[in-house]
Amino acid sequence: MNEVACVVRRDNLLGEGPVWDAARGRLWWVDIKGRLLQWFDPATGEDGVQATELLVSSVAPREDGTLIAATAEGLAVIDPDTWNIETRTGFEDERPWNRPNDGNVDVAGRYWFGTMDDVQERKTGAVYRVGPDWNPVRAIDGMWITNTLVTSPDGRTLYVCDTGENTIFAYDLDPETGDLGERRVFATTEEGVGPDGSAVDAEGFLWNAQWGGWRVVRYAPDGTIDRTVEVPVQQPSSCAFGGPDLSTLYITSARESLSRDDLAKQPLAGSLLAFEPGVKGLALPPFGG
């Protein structure tokens, strides 16, 4: 699969949050606006969809086989065997206009997730770090649209996108405590193209899905563009490595805000895409809580 292809046909309004579950051998992703939790098993080709009453923006595997999830009601546990959702702790009660957005586990097993103003009128998005105690610690504040939240292989850099500012930032990260240090601009995109969700490969390069750009871009650790991969959808939203050997890059996409004419030109908008980029992904542990 050297060319980008559709592996699961969907009409996701806002497909997001792909994550590989090594224990179950499946890829999870969500439709934030459609309130759907979805999965794909590359070994069998089977896929499934589960509607959720709560808005779920991202999930990550836990050590016991359940999922940690960022939802509109707070951090929750989802049991994929029963589809039961148990809310554990809230966050941002003082910002009821915000909703959670992207989220990922770092190389130390911590869960990072971001928030944003759902109607994008206030710069009130924040980034939270969650450890085994399930206490969400606000690590970054004052953002438009939080995305990416992935770390370098050595755990010393956290990459964070503010899609509203067309910028990917790199933060110094203490791998032991998760505390953040200095911030620098890692990469920027042109007007009308927003950096969205990302994945890091085993070589330490960052793959970024670029909303509005019809592309996924691979950045070297110094922020220079190494490779650009065209995709058949205008709004690729995120990406994650998956498969038994992490050799496949899966890409989510969205139909949100596209006109009827737009959709006629991109019938795969909202689907799950994939290709084999010739490099393997960075193996990540389950959430440690």
C-alpha atoms as a PDB file:
ATOM      1  CA  MET A   1       0.000   0.000   0.000  1.00  0.00           C
ATOM      2  CA  ASN A   2       2.465   2.611  -1.235  1.00  0.00           C
ATOM      3  CA  GLU A   3      -0.299   4.924  -2.428  1.00  0.00           C
ATOM      4  CA  VAL A   4      -2.841   6.565  -0.130  1.00  0.00           C
ATOM      5  CA  ALA A   5      -6.003   4.470  -0.183  1.00  0.00           C
ATOM      6  CA  CYS A   6      -9.322   4.324   1.625  1.00  0.00           C
ATOM      7  CA  VAL A   7      -9.452   1.475   4.163  1.00  0.00           C
ATOM      8  CA  VAL A   8     -12.799   2.299   5.800  1.00  0.00           C
ATOM      9  CA  ARG A   9     -15.434   4.333   3.961  1.00  0.00           C
ATOM     10  CA  ARG A  10     -17.161   6.749   6.335  1.00  0.00           C
ATOM     11  CA  ASP A  11     -19.053  10.047   6.278  1.00  0.00           C
ATOM     12  CA  ASN A  12     -17.467  11.410   9.436  1.00  0.00           C
ATOM     13  CA  LEU A  13     -18.280  15.048  10.096  1.00  0.00           C
ATOM     14  CA  LEU A  14     -15.111  15.386  12.166  1.00  0.00           C
ATOM     15  CA  GLY A  15     -13.061  12.211  12.087  1.00  0.00           C
ATOM     16  CA  GLU A  16     -10.231  12.569  14.611  1.00  0.00           C
ATOM     17  CA  GLY A  17      -7.996  10.945  17.198  1.00  0.00           C
ATOM     18  CA  PRO A  18      -6.623   7.783  15.523  1.00  0.00           C
ATOM     19  CA  VAL A  19      -4.698   5.580  17.969  1.00  0.00           C
ATOM     20  CA  TRP A  20      -3.288   2.075  17.686  1.00  0.00           C
ATOM     21  CA  ASP A  21      -4.332  -0.461  20.337  1.00  0.00           C
ATOM     22  CA  ALA A  22      -1.578  -3.095  20.263  1.00  0.00           C
ATOM     23  CA  ALA A  23      -3.283  -5.405  22.762  1.00  0.00           C
ATOM     24  CA  ARG A  24      -6.498  -5.609  20.727  1.00  0.00           C
ATOM     25  CA  GLY A  25      -4.825  -5.283  17.325  1.00  0.00           C
ATOM     26  CA  ARG A  26      -7.127  -2.513  16.194  1.00  0.00           C
ATOM     27  CA  LEU A  27      -7.111   1.165  15.368  1.00  0.00           C
ATOM     28  CA  TRP A  28      -9.534   3.409  17.237  1.00  0.00           C
ATOM     29  CA  TRP A  29     -10.753   6.787  16.044  1.00  0.00           C
ATOM     30  CA  VAL A  30     -13.721   9.077  16.701  1.00  0.00           C
ATOM     31  CA  ASP A  31     -16.173  11.300  14.910  1.00  0.00           C
ATOM     32  CA  ILE A  32     -16.307  14.196  17.375  1.00  0.00           C
ATOM     33  CA  LYS A  33     -19.341  15.923  15.900  1.00  0.00           C
ATOM     34  CA  GLY A  34     -21.098  12.670  15.016  1.00  0.00           C
ATOM     35  CA  ARG A  35     -20.489  11.234  18.522  1.00  0.00           C
ATOM     36  CA  LEU A  36     -19.096   7.974  17.204  1.00  0.00           C
ATOM     37  CA  LEU A  37     -16.327   5.681  18.429  1.00  0.00           C
ATOM     38  CA  GLN A  38     -14.953   3.604  15.555  1.00  0.00           C
ATOM     39  CA  TRP A  39     -12.466   0.799  15.073  1.00  0.00           C
ATOM     40  CA  PHE A  40     -10.637  -1.095  12.343  1.00  0.00           C
ATOM     41  CA  ASP A  41      -8.832  -4.452  12.515  1.00  0.00           C
ATOM     42  CA  PRO A  42      -6.239  -4.627   9.713  1.00  0.00           C
ATOM     43  CA  ALA A  43      -5.652  -8.375  10.231  1.00  0.00           C
ATOM     44  CA  THR A  44      -9.249  -9.270   9.400  1.00  0.00           C
ATOM     45  CA  GLY A  45     -10.418  -6.153   7.568  1.00  0.00           C
ATOM     46  CA  GLU A  46     -13.341  -5.866   9.978  1.00  0.00           C
ATOM     47  CA  ASP A  47     -14.499  -2.498  11.261  1.00  0.00           C
ATOM     48  CA  GLY A  48     -17.193  -1.204  13.576  1.00  0.00           C
ATOM     49  CA  VAL A  49     -18.997   1.854  14.876  1.00  0.00           C
ATOM     50  CA  GLN A  50     -20.424   2.585  18.312  1.00  0.00           C
ATOM     51  CA  ALA A  51     -22.592   5.631  18.975  1.00  0.00           C
ATOM     52  CA  THR A  52     -21.832   7.473  22.216  1.00  0.00           C
ATOM     53  CA  GLU A  53     -24.201   9.700  24.153  1.00  0.00           C
ATOM     54  CA  LEU A  54     -21.269  11.880  25.184  1.00  0.00           C
ATOM     55  CA  LEU A  55     -19.078  13.869  22.833  1.00  0.00           C
ATOM     56  CA  VAL A  56     -15.784  11.963  22.771  1.00  0.00           C
ATOM     57  CA  SER A  57     -12.800  13.758  21.243  1.00  0.00           C
ATOM     58  CA  SER A  58      -9.964  11.252  21.754  1.00  0.00           C
ATOM     59  CA  VAL A  59      -9.216   7.906  23.364  1.00  0.00           C
ATOM     60  CA  ALA A  60      -6.131   5.903  24.300  1.00  0.00           C
ATOM     61  CA  PRO A  61      -5.642   2.305  25.440  1.00  0.00           C
ATOM     62  CA  ARG A  62      -5.202   1.523  29.141  1.00  0.00           C
ATOM     63  CA  GLU A  63      -3.251  -1.347  30.653  1.00  0.00           C
ATOM     64  CA  ASP A  64      -6.443  -3.236  31.595  1.00  0.00           C
ATOM     65  CA  GLY A  65      -7.866  -3.200  28.053  1.00  0.00           C
ATOM     66  CA  THR A  66     -10.256  -0.305  28.553  1.00  0.00           C
ATOM     67  CA  LEU A  67      -9.828   3.187  27.078  1.00  0.00           C
ATOM     68  CA  ILE A  68      -9.224   6.557  28.670  1.00  0.00           C
ATOM     69  CA  ALA A  69     -11.362   9.142  26.895  1.00  0.00           C
ATOM     70  CA  ALA A  70     -11.639  12.918  26.849  1.00  0.00           C
ATOM     71  CA  THR A  71     -15.351  13.735  26.758  1.00  0.00           C
ATOM     72  CA  ALA A  72     -17.561  16.788  27.109  1.00  0.00           C
ATOM     73  CA  GLU A  73     -18.377  15.641  30.659  1.00  0.00           C
ATOM     74  CA  GLY A  74     -14.780  14.993  31.725  1.00  0.00           C
ATOM     75  CA  LEU A  75     -12.169  12.258  31.623  1.00  0.00           C
ATOM     76  CA  ALA A  76     -13.821   8.868  31.367  1.00  0.00           C
ATOM     77  CA  VAL A  77     -13.213   5.146  31.030  1.00  0.00           C
ATOM     78  CA  ILE A  78     -14.789   3.314  28.089  1.00  0.00           C
ATOM     79  CA  ASP A  79     -15.056  -0.476  28.203  1.00  0.00           C
ATOM     80  CA  PRO A  80     -14.974  -1.742  24.583  1.00  0.00           C
ATOM     81  CA  ASP A  81     -16.465  -5.072  25.672  1.00  0.00           C
ATOM     82  CA  THR A  82     -19.648  -3.528  27.117  1.00  0.00           C
ATOM     83  CA  TRP A  83     -19.466   0.056  25.738  1.00  0.00           C
ATOM     84  CA  ASN A  84     -20.056   1.340  29.249  1.00  0.00           C
ATOM     85  CA  ILE A  85     -18.738   4.895  29.841  1.00  0.00           C
ATOM     86  CA  GLU A  86     -17.763   5.899  33.375  1.00  0.00           C
ATOM     87  CA  THR A  87     -16.810   9.532  33.983  1.00  0.00           C
ATOM     88  CA  ARG A  88     -13.902   9.785  36.430  1.00  0.00           C
ATOM     89  CA  THR A  89     -13.090  13.473  36.767  1.00  0.00           C
ATOM     90  CA  GLY A  90     -14.156  16.785  35.278  1.00  0.00           C
ATOM     91  CA  PHE A  91     -12.114  19.659  33.924  1.00  0.00           C
ATOM     92  CA  GLU A  92     -12.756  23.259  32.856  1.00  0.00           C
ATOM     93  CA  ASP A  93     -16.093  23.632  34.605  1.00  0.00           C
ATOM     94  CA  GLU A  94     -15.403  27.373  34.516  1.00  0.00           C
ATOM     95  CA  ARG A  95     -15.295  27.299  30.688  1.00  0.00           C
ATOM     96  CA  PRO A  96     -18.575  25.675  29.646  1.00  0.00           C
ATOM     97  CA  TRP A  97     -18.145  26.905  26.074  1.00  0.00           C
ATOM     98  CA  ASN A  98     -14.996  24.798  25.656  1.00  0.00           C
ATOM     99  CA  ARG A  99     -14.884  21.190  24.495  1.00  0.00           C
ATOM    100  CA  PRO A 100     -12.017  18.698  24.414  1.00  0.00           C
ATOM    101  CA  ASN A 101     -10.147  18.151  21.176  1.00  0.00           C
ATOM    102  CA  ASP A 102      -7.055  16.108  20.298  1.00  0.00           C
ATOM    103  CA  GLY A 103      -5.267  13.776  22.712  1.00  0.00           C
ATOM    104  CA  ASN A 104      -2.383  11.285  22.797  1.00  0.00           C
ATOM    105  CA  VAL A 105      -0.242   9.216  25.149  1.00  0.00           C
ATOM    106  CA  ASP A 106       3.455  10.097  25.412  1.00  0.00           C
ATOM    107  CA  VAL A 107       6.419   7.717  25.583  1.00  0.00           C
ATOM    108  CA  ALA A 108       6.149   7.663  29.401  1.00  0.00           C
ATOM    109  CA  GLY A 109       2.485   6.594  29.382  1.00  0.00           C
ATOM    110  CA  ARG A 110       1.040  10.001  30.315  1.00  0.00           C
ATOM    111  CA  TYR A 111      -2.112  11.162  28.544  1.00  0.00           C
ATOM    112  CA  TRP A 112      -2.129  14.652  27.038  1.00  0.00           C
ATOM    113  CA  PHE A 113      -5.293  16.276  25.721  1.00  0.00           C
ATOM    114  CA  GLY A 114      -6.358  19.719  24.637  1.00  0.00           C
ATOM    115  CA  THR A 115      -9.483  21.872  24.700  1.00  0.00           C
ATOM    116  CA  MET A 116     -10.904  24.656  22.537  1.00  0.00           C
ATOM    117  CA  ASP A 117     -13.835  27.041  22.265  1.00  0.00           C
ATOM    118  CA  ASP A 118     -16.319  24.977  20.274  1.00  0.00           C
ATOM    119  CA  VAL A 119     -17.400  27.977  18.179  1.00  0.00           C
ATOM    120  CA  GLN A 120     -13.841  29.341  17.947  1.00  0.00           C
ATOM    121  CA  GLU A 121     -14.657  32.823  19.275  1.00  0.00           C
ATOM    122  CA  ARG A 122     -12.453  32.774  22.388  1.00  0.00           C
ATOM    123  CA  LYS A 123      -8.781  31.934  22.774  1.00  0.00           C
ATOM    124  CA  THR A 124      -9.497  29.761  25.809  1.00  0.00           C
ATOM    125  CA  GLY A 125      -8.064  26.431  24.715  1.00  0.00           C
ATOM    126  CA  ALA A 126      -5.667  24.661  27.037  1.00  0.00           C
ATOM    127  CA  VAL A 127      -3.453  21.569  27.176  1.00  0.00           C
ATOM    128  CA  TYR A 128      -3.653  19.102  30.062  1.00  0.00           C
ATOM    129  CA  ARG A 129      -1.315  16.391  31.308  1.00  0.00           C
ATOM    130  CA  VAL A 130      -2.803  13.338  33.030  1.00  0.00           C
ATOM    131  CA  GLY A 131      -0.794  10.834  35.051  1.00  0.00           C
ATOM    132  CA  PRO A 132      -1.752   7.636  36.897  1.00  0.00           C
ATOM    133  CA  ASP A 133      -3.656   9.666  39.516  1.00  0.00           C
ATOM    134  CA  TRP A 134      -6.099  10.888  36.845  1.00  0.00           C
ATOM    135  CA  ASN A 135      -5.571  14.492  37.946  1.00  0.00           C
ATOM    136  CA  PRO A 136      -5.629  16.759  34.847  1.00  0.00           C
ATOM    137  CA  VAL A 137      -2.852  19.346  35.197  1.00  0.00           C
ATOM    138  CA  ARG A 138      -3.179  22.444  33.025  1.00  0.00           C
ATOM    139  CA  ALA A 139       0.195  22.702  31.285  1.00  0.00           C
ATOM    140  CA  ILE A 140      -0.541  25.307  28.565  1.00  0.00           C
ATOM    141  CA  ASP A 141      -3.264  27.935  28.317  1.00  0.00           C
ATOM    142  CA  GLY A 142      -4.522  30.615  25.934  1.00  0.00           C
ATOM    143  CA  MET A 143      -4.769  28.657  22.674  1.00  0.00           C
ATOM    144  CA  TRP A 144      -7.239  28.758  19.804  1.00  0.00           C
ATOM    145  CA  ILE A 145      -7.395  25.147  18.614  1.00  0.00           C
ATOM    146  CA  THR A 146      -5.223  22.565  20.353  1.00  0.00           C
ATOM    147  CA  ASN A 147      -3.925  19.638  18.327  1.00  0.00           C
ATOM    148  CA  THR A 148      -1.087  17.079  17.945  1.00  0.00           C
ATOM    149  CA  LEU A 149       0.193  16.525  21.558  1.00  0.00           C
ATOM    150  CA  VAL A 150       2.885  13.968  20.713  1.00  0.00           C
ATOM    151  CA  THR A 151       6.422  13.554  22.022  1.00  0.00           C
ATOM    152  CA  SER A 152       9.830  12.866  20.544  1.00  0.00           C
ATOM    153  CA  PRO A 153      11.263   9.333  20.972  1.00  0.00           C
ATOM    154  CA  ASP A 154      13.463  10.439  23.887  1.00  0.00           C
ATOM    155  CA  GLY A 155      10.512  12.063  25.643  1.00  0.00           C
ATOM    156  CA  ARG A 156      12.250  15.440  25.837  1.00  0.00           C
ATOM    157  CA  THR A 157      10.082  17.362  23.358  1.00  0.00           C
ATOM    158  CA  LEU A 158       6.314  17.858  23.269  1.00  0.00           C
ATOM    159  CA  TYR A 159       4.861  18.962  19.947  1.00  0.00           C
ATOM    160  CA  VAL A 160       1.685  21.035  20.135  1.00  0.00           C
ATOM    161  CA  CYS A 161      -0.265  22.600  17.254  1.00  0.00           C
ATOM    162  CA  ASP A 162      -2.352  25.699  17.547  1.00  0.00           C
ATOM    163  CA  THR A 163      -4.303  25.207  14.343  1.00  0.00           C
ATOM    164  CA  GLY A 164      -5.809  28.675  14.686  1.00  0.00           C
ATOM    165  CA  GLU A 165      -2.335  30.209  14.554  1.00  0.00           C
ATOM    166  CA  ASN A 166      -1.085  27.956  11.719  1.00  0.00           C
ATOM    167  CA  THR A 167       1.798  26.947  13.962  1.00  0.00           C
ATOM    168  CA  ILE A 168       3.384  23.802  15.377  1.00  0.00           C
ATOM    169  CA  PHE A 169       5.235  24.523  18.622  1.00  0.00           C
ATOM    170  CA  ALA A 170       7.912  22.413  20.295  1.00  0.00           C
ATOM    171  CA  TYR A 171       8.195  22.517  24.092  1.00  0.00           C
ATOM    172  CA  ASP A 172      11.094  21.298  26.166  1.00  0.00           C
ATOM    173  CA  LEU A 173       9.747  18.415  28.241  1.00  0.00           C
ATOM    174  CA  ASP A 174      11.090  16.817  31.410  1.00  0.00           C
ATOM    175  CA  PRO A 175      10.674  13.097  30.647  1.00  0.00           C
ATOM    176  CA  GLU A 176      10.438  12.200  34.336  1.00  0.00           C
ATOM    177  CA  THR A 177       7.944  14.779  35.605  1.00  0.00           C
ATOM    178  CA  GLY A 178       6.176  15.867  32.420  1.00  0.00           C
ATOM    179  CA  ASP A 179       6.874  19.518  33.238  1.00  0.00           C
ATOM    180  CA  LEU A 180       7.257  21.846  30.266  1.00  0.00           C
ATOM    181  CA  GLY A 181      10.087  24.292  29.663  1.00  0.00           C
ATOM    182  CA  GLU A 182      10.877  26.696  26.858  1.00  0.00           C
ATOM    183  CA  ARG A 183       8.686  26.916  23.762  1.00  0.00           C
ATOM    184  CA  ARG A 184       9.902  27.448  20.210  1.00  0.00           C
ATOM    185  CA  VAL A 185       8.212  27.615  16.809  1.00  0.00           C
ATOM    186  CA  PHE A 186       8.780  24.274  15.099  1.00  0.00           C
ATOM    187  CA  ALA A 187       6.951  24.890  11.799  1.00  0.00           C
ATOM    188  CA  THR A 188       4.263  27.093  10.257  1.00  0.00           C
ATOM    189  CA  THR A 189       1.754  26.712   7.432  1.00  0.00           C
ATOM    190  CA  GLU A 190       0.341  29.174   4.933  1.00  0.00           C
ATOM    191  CA  GLU A 191      -2.955  30.977   5.434  1.00  0.00           C
ATOM    192  CA  GLY A 192      -5.912  28.670   4.870  1.00  0.00           C
ATOM    193  CA  VAL A 193      -4.004  25.535   5.812  1.00  0.00           C
ATOM    194  CA  GLY A 194      -3.974  24.529   9.473  1.00  0.00           C
ATOM    195  CA  PRO A 195      -1.616  22.012  11.071  1.00  0.00           C
ATOM    196  CA  ASP A 196      -3.798  19.409  12.764  1.00  0.00           C
ATOM    197  CA  GLY A 197      -3.114  16.015  14.364  1.00  0.00           C
ATOM    198  CA  SER A 198       0.288  14.332  14.222  1.00  0.00           C
ATOM    199  CA  ALA A 199       2.265  11.138  14.725  1.00  0.00           C
ATOM    200  CA  VAL A 200       5.969  10.605  15.398  1.00  0.00           C
ATOM    201  CA  ASP A 201       7.867   7.829  13.624  1.00  0.00           C
ATOM    202  CA  ALA A 202      10.694   5.659  14.941  1.00  0.00           C
ATOM    203  CA  GLU A 203      13.261   8.011  13.404  1.00  0.00           C
ATOM    204  CA  GLY A 204      11.900  10.979  15.360  1.00  0.00           C
ATOM    205  CA  PHE A 205      10.238  12.706  12.392  1.00  0.00           C
ATOM    206  CA  LEU A 206       6.822  14.324  12.833  1.00  0.00           C
ATOM    207  CA  TRP A 207       3.988  13.495  10.417  1.00  0.00           C
ATOM    208  CA  ASN A 208       1.323  16.223  10.425  1.00  0.00           C
ATOM    209  CA  ALA A 209      -2.133  16.156   8.808  1.00  0.00           C
ATOM    210  CA  GLN A 210      -2.859  19.606   7.382  1.00  0.00           C
ATOM    211  CA  TRP A 211      -6.478  20.753   7.403  1.00  0.00           C
ATOM    212  CA  GLY A 212      -7.371  22.508   4.167  1.00  0.00           C
ATOM    213  CA  GLY A 213      -4.129  21.430   2.520  1.00  0.00           C
ATOM    214  CA  TRP A 214      -4.962  18.062   0.900  1.00  0.00           C
ATOM    215  CA  ARG A 215      -1.747  16.714   2.405  1.00  0.00           C
ATOM    216  CA  VAL A 216       0.242  15.111   5.196  1.00  0.00           C
ATOM    217  CA  VAL A 217       3.708  16.539   5.788  1.00  0.00           C
ATOM    218  CA  ARG A 218       6.733  14.812   7.331  1.00  0.00           C
ATOM    219  CA  TYR A 219       8.982  17.196   9.280  1.00  0.00           C
ATOM    220  CA  ALA A 220      12.555  16.497  10.309  1.00  0.00           C
ATOM    221  CA  PRO A 221      13.463  17.062  13.981  1.00  0.00           C
ATOM    222  CA  ASP A 222      14.817  20.505  13.036  1.00  0.00           C
ATOM    223  CA  GLY A 223      11.443  21.537  11.582  1.00  0.00           C
ATOM    224  CA  THR A 224      12.371  21.363   7.909  1.00  0.00           C
ATOM    225  CA  ILE A 225      10.011  19.630   5.489  1.00  0.00           C
ATOM    226  CA  ASP A 226      11.282  16.162   4.585  1.00  0.00           C
ATOM    227  CA  ARG A 227       8.327  14.896   2.555  1.00  0.00           C
ATOM    228  CA  THR A 228       4.838  15.915   1.441  1.00  0.00           C
ATOM    229  CA  VAL A 229       2.190  13.282   0.750  1.00  0.00           C
ATOM    230  CA  GLU A 230      -0.929  14.317  -1.142  1.00  0.00           C
ATOM    231  CA  VAL A 231      -4.242  12.872   0.049  1.00  0.00           C
ATOM    232  CA  PRO A 232      -7.619  12.771  -1.751  1.00  0.00           C
ATOM    233  CA  VAL A 233      -9.398  14.846   0.892  1.00  0.00           C
ATOM    234  CA  GLN A 234      -9.223  18.544   1.651  1.00  0.00           C
ATOM    235  CA  GLN A 235      -9.469  18.133   5.416  1.00  0.00           C
ATOM    236  CA  PRO A 236      -7.144  15.395   6.688  1.00  0.00           C
ATOM    237  CA  SER A 237      -7.461  15.786  10.440  1.00  0.00           C
ATOM    238  CA  SER A 238      -4.955  13.508  12.153  1.00  0.00           C
ATOM    239  CA  CYS A 239      -2.727  10.474  11.676  1.00  0.00           C
ATOM    240  CA  ALA A 240      -1.321   7.536  13.618  1.00  0.00           C
ATOM    241  CA  PHE A 241       0.906   4.571  12.903  1.00  0.00           C
ATOM    242  CA  GLY A 242      -0.694   1.177  13.272  1.00  0.00           C
ATOM    243  CA  GLY A 243      -0.634  -2.454  12.284  1.00  0.00           C
ATOM    244  CA  PRO A 244       1.335  -5.254  13.998  1.00  0.00           C
ATOM    245  CA  ASP A 245       4.672  -3.738  12.995  1.00  0.00           C
ATOM    246  CA  LEU A 246       3.507  -0.082  12.977  1.00  0.00           C
ATOM    247  CA  SER A 247       4.340   0.220   9.284  1.00  0.00           C
ATOM    248  CA  THR A 248       1.036   1.780   8.177  1.00  0.00           C
ATOM    249  CA  LEU A 249       0.115   5.432   8.620  1.00  0.00           C
ATOM    250  CA  TYR A 250      -3.638   5.843   9.120  1.00  0.00           C
ATOM    251  CA  ILE A 251      -5.233   9.222   8.347  1.00  0.00           C
ATOM    252  CA  THR A 252      -8.620  10.472   9.538  1.00  0.00           C
ATOM    253  CA  SER A 253     -10.607  13.100   7.669  1.00  0.00           C
ATOM    254  CA  ALA A 254     -13.655  15.341   7.933  1.00  0.00           C
ATOM    255  CA  ARG A 255     -16.675  16.557   5.957  1.00  0.00           C
ATOM    256  CA  GLU A 256     -17.465  19.438   8.317  1.00  0.00           C
ATOM    257  CA  SER A 257     -17.988  22.817   6.554  1.00  0.00           C
ATOM    258  CA  LEU A 258     -17.658  21.313   3.056  1.00  0.00           C
ATOM    259  CA  SER A 259     -20.255  22.312   0.469  1.00  0.00           C
ATOM    260  CA  ARG A 260     -22.106  19.927  -1.835  1.00  0.00           C
ATOM    261  CA  ASP A 261     -19.755  20.933  -4.654  1.00  0.00           C
ATOM    262  CA  ASP A 262     -16.735  20.341  -2.402  1.00  0.00           C
ATOM    263  CA  LEU A 263     -17.964  16.859  -1.493  1.00  0.00           C
ATOM    264  CA  ALA A 264     -18.575  15.989  -5.135  1.00  0.00           C
ATOM    265  CA  LYS A 265     -14.860  16.530  -5.750  1.00  0.00           C
ATOM    266  CA  GLN A 266     -13.760  14.438  -2.759  1.00  0.00           C
ATOM    267  CA  PRO A 267     -16.127  11.520  -2.169  1.00  0.00           C
ATOM    268  CA  LEU A 268     -13.723  10.020   0.401  1.00  0.00           C
ATOM    269  CA  ALA A 269     -14.009  13.002   2.739  1.00  0.00           C
ATOM    270  CA  GLY A 270     -14.814  11.673   6.209  1.00  0.00           C
ATOM    271  CA  SER A 271     -13.216   8.272   5.561  1.00  0.00           C
ATOM    272  CA  LEU A 272     -10.210   6.514   7.087  1.00  0.00           C
ATOM    273  CA  LEU A 273      -7.235   6.510   4.721  1.00  0.00           C
ATOM    274  CA  ALA A 274      -3.893   4.724   4.927  1.00  0.00           C
ATOM    275  CA  PHE A 275      -0.576   4.097   3.222  1.00  0.00           C
ATOM    276  CA  GLU A 276       2.822   2.565   3.966  1.00  0.00           C
ATOM    277  CA  PRO A 277       5.398   5.371   4.154  1.00  0.00           C
ATOM    278  CA  GLY A 278       8.474   3.133   4.332  1.00  0.00           C
ATOM    279  CA  VAL A 279       9.200   3.951   7.974  1.00  0.00           C
ATOM    280  CA  LYS A 280       7.706   2.488  11.136  1.00  0.00           C
ATOM    281  CA  GLY A 281       5.903   4.353  13.846  1.00  0.00           C
ATOM    282  CA  LEU A 282       7.040   5.032  17.373  1.00  0.00           C
ATOM    283  CA  ALA A 283       5.741   2.335  19.719  1.00  0.00           C
ATOM    284  CA  LEU A 284       3.771   3.902  22.575  1.00  0.00           C
ATOM    285  CA  PRO A 285       2.790   2.378  25.913  1.00  0.00           C
ATOM    286  CA  PRO A 286      -0.797   2.205  27.184  1.00  0.00           C
ATOM    287  CA  PHE A 287      -1.948   4.938  29.561  1.00  0.00           C
ATOM    288  CA  GLY A 288      -0.533   4.086  32.956  1.00  0.00           C
ATOM    289  CA  GLY A 289      -3.598   4.955  35.022  1.00  0.00           C
END
